[in-house]
N, C-alpha and C. Protein backbone atom coordinates (compact mmCIF):
# COMPACT_ATOMS: atom_id res chain seq x y z
N MET A 1 -11.93 -63.08 -90.16
CA MET A 1 -12.16 -62.57 -88.68
C MET A 1 -12.93 -61.31 -88.55
N LYS A 2 -14.11 -61.31 -87.49
CA LYS A 2 -15.13 -60.14 -87.47
C LYS A 2 -14.47 -59.32 -86.95
N SER A 3 -14.87 -58.36 -87.45
CA SER A 3 -14.41 -57.08 -86.41
C SER A 3 -14.93 -56.91 -85.00
N LYS A 4 -14.33 -56.32 -84.19
CA LYS A 4 -15.18 -55.62 -83.44
C LYS A 4 -16.21 -55.05 -83.31
N GLN A 5 -16.48 -53.95 -83.93
CA GLN A 5 -17.49 -53.47 -84.45
C GLN A 5 -18.39 -53.93 -84.64
N SER A 6 -18.63 -54.70 -85.41
CA SER A 6 -20.00 -55.78 -85.82
C SER A 6 -20.38 -56.49 -84.26
N SER A 7 -19.27 -57.41 -83.83
CA SER A 7 -19.85 -58.00 -82.71
C SER A 7 -20.17 -57.15 -81.70
N ARG A 8 -19.95 -55.89 -81.63
CA ARG A 8 -20.95 -55.10 -80.53
C ARG A 8 -22.09 -55.09 -80.84
N ASN A 9 -22.31 -54.66 -82.06
CA ASN A 9 -23.68 -54.65 -82.62
C ASN A 9 -24.75 -55.67 -82.52
N GLN A 10 -24.08 -56.87 -82.18
CA GLN A 10 -25.21 -57.90 -82.39
C GLN A 10 -25.21 -58.58 -80.91
N THR A 11 -26.34 -59.24 -80.55
CA THR A 11 -26.71 -59.59 -79.53
C THR A 11 -26.54 -61.22 -79.46
N SER A 12 -25.61 -61.57 -78.41
CA SER A 12 -25.10 -62.44 -77.85
C SER A 12 -26.04 -63.51 -77.63
N TYR A 13 -25.69 -64.87 -77.68
CA TYR A 13 -26.65 -65.66 -77.57
C TYR A 13 -27.52 -65.65 -76.23
N TRP A 14 -26.38 -65.53 -74.86
CA TRP A 14 -26.77 -65.54 -73.77
C TRP A 14 -27.38 -63.87 -73.39
N GLN A 15 -27.23 -63.07 -74.28
CA GLN A 15 -28.11 -61.73 -74.11
C GLN A 15 -29.44 -62.06 -74.67
N LEU A 16 -29.44 -62.93 -75.86
CA LEU A 16 -31.16 -63.34 -76.52
C LEU A 16 -31.66 -64.38 -75.41
N ILE A 17 -31.23 -65.38 -74.84
CA ILE A 17 -31.45 -65.87 -73.63
C ILE A 17 -32.22 -64.98 -72.90
N PHE A 18 -31.53 -64.08 -71.99
CA PHE A 18 -32.09 -63.54 -70.84
C PHE A 18 -33.17 -62.31 -71.12
N SER A 19 -32.92 -62.00 -72.43
CA SER A 19 -34.18 -61.05 -72.94
C SER A 19 -35.22 -61.57 -73.27
N GLN A 20 -35.04 -62.82 -73.61
CA GLN A 20 -36.43 -63.72 -73.23
C GLN A 20 -37.00 -64.15 -72.05
N SER A 21 -36.47 -63.95 -71.01
CA SER A 21 -36.95 -64.85 -69.76
C SER A 21 -37.99 -63.63 -68.75
N LYS A 22 -38.84 -64.62 -68.53
CA LYS A 22 -40.03 -63.73 -67.66
C LYS A 22 -39.61 -62.77 -66.62
N VAL A 23 -38.45 -62.51 -66.05
CA VAL A 23 -37.83 -61.59 -65.36
C VAL A 23 -37.79 -60.49 -65.76
N ASN A 24 -37.32 -60.40 -67.26
CA ASN A 24 -37.12 -59.29 -68.40
C ASN A 24 -38.14 -58.71 -68.99
N GLY A 25 -39.31 -59.10 -68.21
CA GLY A 25 -40.48 -58.70 -69.36
C GLY A 25 -41.10 -59.81 -70.47
N ALA A 26 -40.24 -60.55 -70.71
CA ALA A 26 -40.85 -61.45 -71.76
C ALA A 26 -42.45 -62.20 -71.95
N PRO A 27 -43.10 -62.19 -72.52
CA PRO A 27 -44.40 -63.07 -72.25
C PRO A 27 -44.07 -64.46 -72.12
N TYR A 28 -44.61 -64.87 -71.24
CA TYR A 28 -44.54 -66.60 -70.78
C TYR A 28 -45.79 -66.41 -70.26
N SER A 29 -46.49 -68.10 -70.30
CA SER A 29 -47.55 -68.35 -70.24
C SER A 29 -47.18 -70.18 -69.98
N ASP A 30 -47.57 -70.28 -68.31
CA ASP A 30 -47.46 -71.95 -67.83
C ASP A 30 -48.29 -72.41 -68.67
N ASP A 31 -49.21 -72.44 -69.33
CA ASP A 31 -50.14 -72.85 -69.35
C ASP A 31 -49.67 -73.71 -70.79
N GLU A 32 -49.22 -73.25 -71.89
CA GLU A 32 -48.49 -73.10 -72.58
C GLU A 32 -47.62 -74.36 -73.50
N LEU A 33 -46.84 -74.31 -72.07
CA LEU A 33 -45.50 -75.07 -71.82
C LEU A 33 -45.38 -76.59 -72.19
N PRO A 34 -44.99 -77.41 -72.92
CA PRO A 34 -45.48 -78.71 -73.11
C PRO A 34 -45.07 -79.65 -71.96
N VAL A 35 -45.88 -80.71 -71.30
CA VAL A 35 -46.01 -81.35 -70.55
C VAL A 35 -45.02 -82.66 -70.98
N CYS A 36 -44.46 -82.65 -70.02
CA CYS A 36 -43.00 -83.91 -70.02
C CYS A 36 -43.30 -84.54 -68.97
N ASN A 37 -43.75 -85.83 -68.99
CA ASN A 37 -43.28 -86.82 -67.55
C ASN A 37 -42.13 -87.09 -67.71
N TRP A 38 -41.23 -86.82 -66.61
CA TRP A 38 -39.67 -87.94 -66.70
C TRP A 38 -39.41 -88.33 -65.57
N SER A 39 -38.44 -89.57 -65.48
CA SER A 39 -37.79 -90.25 -64.40
C SER A 39 -36.60 -90.67 -64.43
N TRP A 40 -36.03 -90.71 -63.42
CA TRP A 40 -34.66 -90.83 -63.14
C TRP A 40 -34.53 -92.07 -64.01
N PRO A 41 -33.10 -92.56 -64.56
CA PRO A 41 -32.94 -94.17 -65.24
C PRO A 41 -33.14 -94.86 -64.48
N THR A 42 -33.55 -96.23 -64.52
CA THR A 42 -32.96 -97.30 -63.89
C THR A 42 -32.47 -98.38 -64.78
N GLY A 43 -31.71 -99.15 -63.33
CA GLY A 43 -31.14 -100.38 -63.93
C GLY A 43 -29.68 -100.14 -64.80
N THR A 44 -29.19 -98.78 -64.60
CA THR A 44 -28.02 -98.59 -65.16
C THR A 44 -26.88 -99.40 -64.75
N TYR A 45 -25.55 -99.28 -65.43
CA TYR A 45 -24.49 -99.81 -64.93
C TYR A 45 -24.14 -99.45 -63.38
N LEU A 46 -23.95 -98.39 -63.21
CA LEU A 46 -23.42 -97.88 -61.87
C LEU A 46 -24.27 -98.67 -60.74
N GLN A 47 -25.95 -98.03 -61.13
CA GLN A 47 -26.66 -98.99 -59.89
C GLN A 47 -26.59 -100.11 -59.66
N ARG A 48 -26.35 -100.84 -60.87
CA ARG A 48 -25.85 -102.36 -60.62
C ARG A 48 -24.57 -102.50 -59.95
N ARG A 49 -23.81 -101.71 -60.44
CA ARG A 49 -22.67 -102.10 -59.32
C ARG A 49 -22.54 -101.73 -57.95
N ARG A 50 -23.39 -100.59 -57.38
CA ARG A 50 -23.41 -100.05 -56.20
C ARG A 50 -24.35 -101.68 -55.89
N ALA A 51 -25.26 -102.21 -56.16
CA ALA A 51 -26.15 -103.15 -55.50
C ALA A 51 -25.25 -103.91 -55.31
N VAL A 52 -24.03 -104.55 -56.10
CA VAL A 52 -23.57 -105.95 -55.95
C VAL A 52 -22.43 -105.15 -54.93
N LYS A 53 -21.75 -104.32 -54.91
CA LYS A 53 -20.80 -103.64 -53.66
C LYS A 53 -21.60 -103.93 -52.72
N GLU A 54 -22.92 -103.26 -52.51
CA GLU A 54 -23.62 -102.95 -51.27
C GLU A 54 -23.70 -104.44 -50.52
N SER A 55 -24.32 -105.38 -51.97
CA SER A 55 -24.60 -106.79 -51.12
C SER A 55 -23.25 -107.73 -50.63
N LEU A 56 -21.92 -107.34 -51.09
CA LEU A 56 -20.76 -108.04 -50.60
C LEU A 56 -20.58 -107.31 -49.37
N THR A 57 -20.50 -106.04 -49.18
CA THR A 57 -20.00 -105.68 -47.97
C THR A 57 -21.08 -105.97 -46.81
N ALA A 58 -22.40 -105.96 -46.93
CA ALA A 58 -23.68 -106.55 -46.30
C ALA A 58 -23.19 -107.65 -45.54
N PHE A 59 -22.22 -108.76 -45.51
CA PHE A 59 -21.83 -110.06 -45.39
C PHE A 59 -20.92 -109.57 -44.74
N GLY A 60 -19.70 -108.58 -44.85
CA GLY A 60 -18.53 -108.80 -44.34
C GLY A 60 -17.44 -109.43 -45.20
N PRO A 61 -16.20 -109.19 -45.17
CA PRO A 61 -15.50 -109.67 -45.62
C PRO A 61 -15.33 -111.15 -45.31
N THR A 62 -14.91 -111.72 -46.55
CA THR A 62 -14.89 -113.51 -46.49
C THR A 62 -13.46 -113.85 -45.63
N ALA A 63 -13.35 -115.32 -45.71
CA ALA A 63 -12.06 -115.55 -44.56
C ALA A 63 -10.73 -115.70 -45.67
N SER A 64 -11.14 -116.04 -47.16
CA SER A 64 -10.35 -115.37 -47.62
C SER A 64 -9.36 -113.79 -48.12
N GLU A 65 -10.60 -112.94 -48.23
CA GLU A 65 -10.08 -111.70 -48.12
C GLU A 65 -9.36 -111.60 -46.75
N LEU A 66 -9.79 -111.82 -45.99
CA LEU A 66 -9.14 -111.29 -44.57
C LEU A 66 -7.57 -112.10 -44.20
N SER A 67 -7.47 -113.48 -44.81
CA SER A 67 -6.03 -113.68 -44.80
C SER A 67 -4.90 -113.29 -45.97
N ALA A 68 -6.00 -112.78 -46.91
CA ALA A 68 -5.13 -112.26 -48.03
C ALA A 68 -4.38 -110.82 -47.43
N ARG A 69 -5.51 -109.99 -46.60
CA ARG A 69 -5.07 -108.93 -45.89
C ARG A 69 -4.23 -109.18 -44.89
N ASP A 70 -4.16 -109.99 -44.13
CA ASP A 70 -3.06 -110.44 -43.23
C ASP A 70 -1.83 -110.44 -43.61
N ASP A 71 -2.07 -111.45 -44.96
CA ASP A 71 -0.67 -111.68 -45.38
C ASP A 71 0.40 -110.51 -46.12
N ALA A 72 -1.00 -109.26 -46.31
CA ALA A 72 -0.42 -108.07 -47.13
C ALA A 72 0.36 -107.42 -45.90
N ARG A 73 -0.05 -107.52 -44.48
CA ARG A 73 0.49 -107.05 -43.65
C ARG A 73 2.39 -107.30 -43.53
N PHE A 74 2.52 -108.22 -44.16
CA PHE A 74 3.90 -108.88 -43.25
C PHE A 74 4.59 -108.93 -44.75
């Protein structure tokens, strides 16, 4: 187990991140950043399920769904 004295002298992970930020005076150049074109994924399972659900509700409940709903009330 590490002693408290050694952990106080070491810089934590987050302290390293904040010390390297532009706000804290670290060198920062926008021109040297890698260019990455990113887009949201398409055709995922949840997107397909949502489309199916929206297409089913667009037409309203079917006659069998209405009768099943009415039967469930009694």
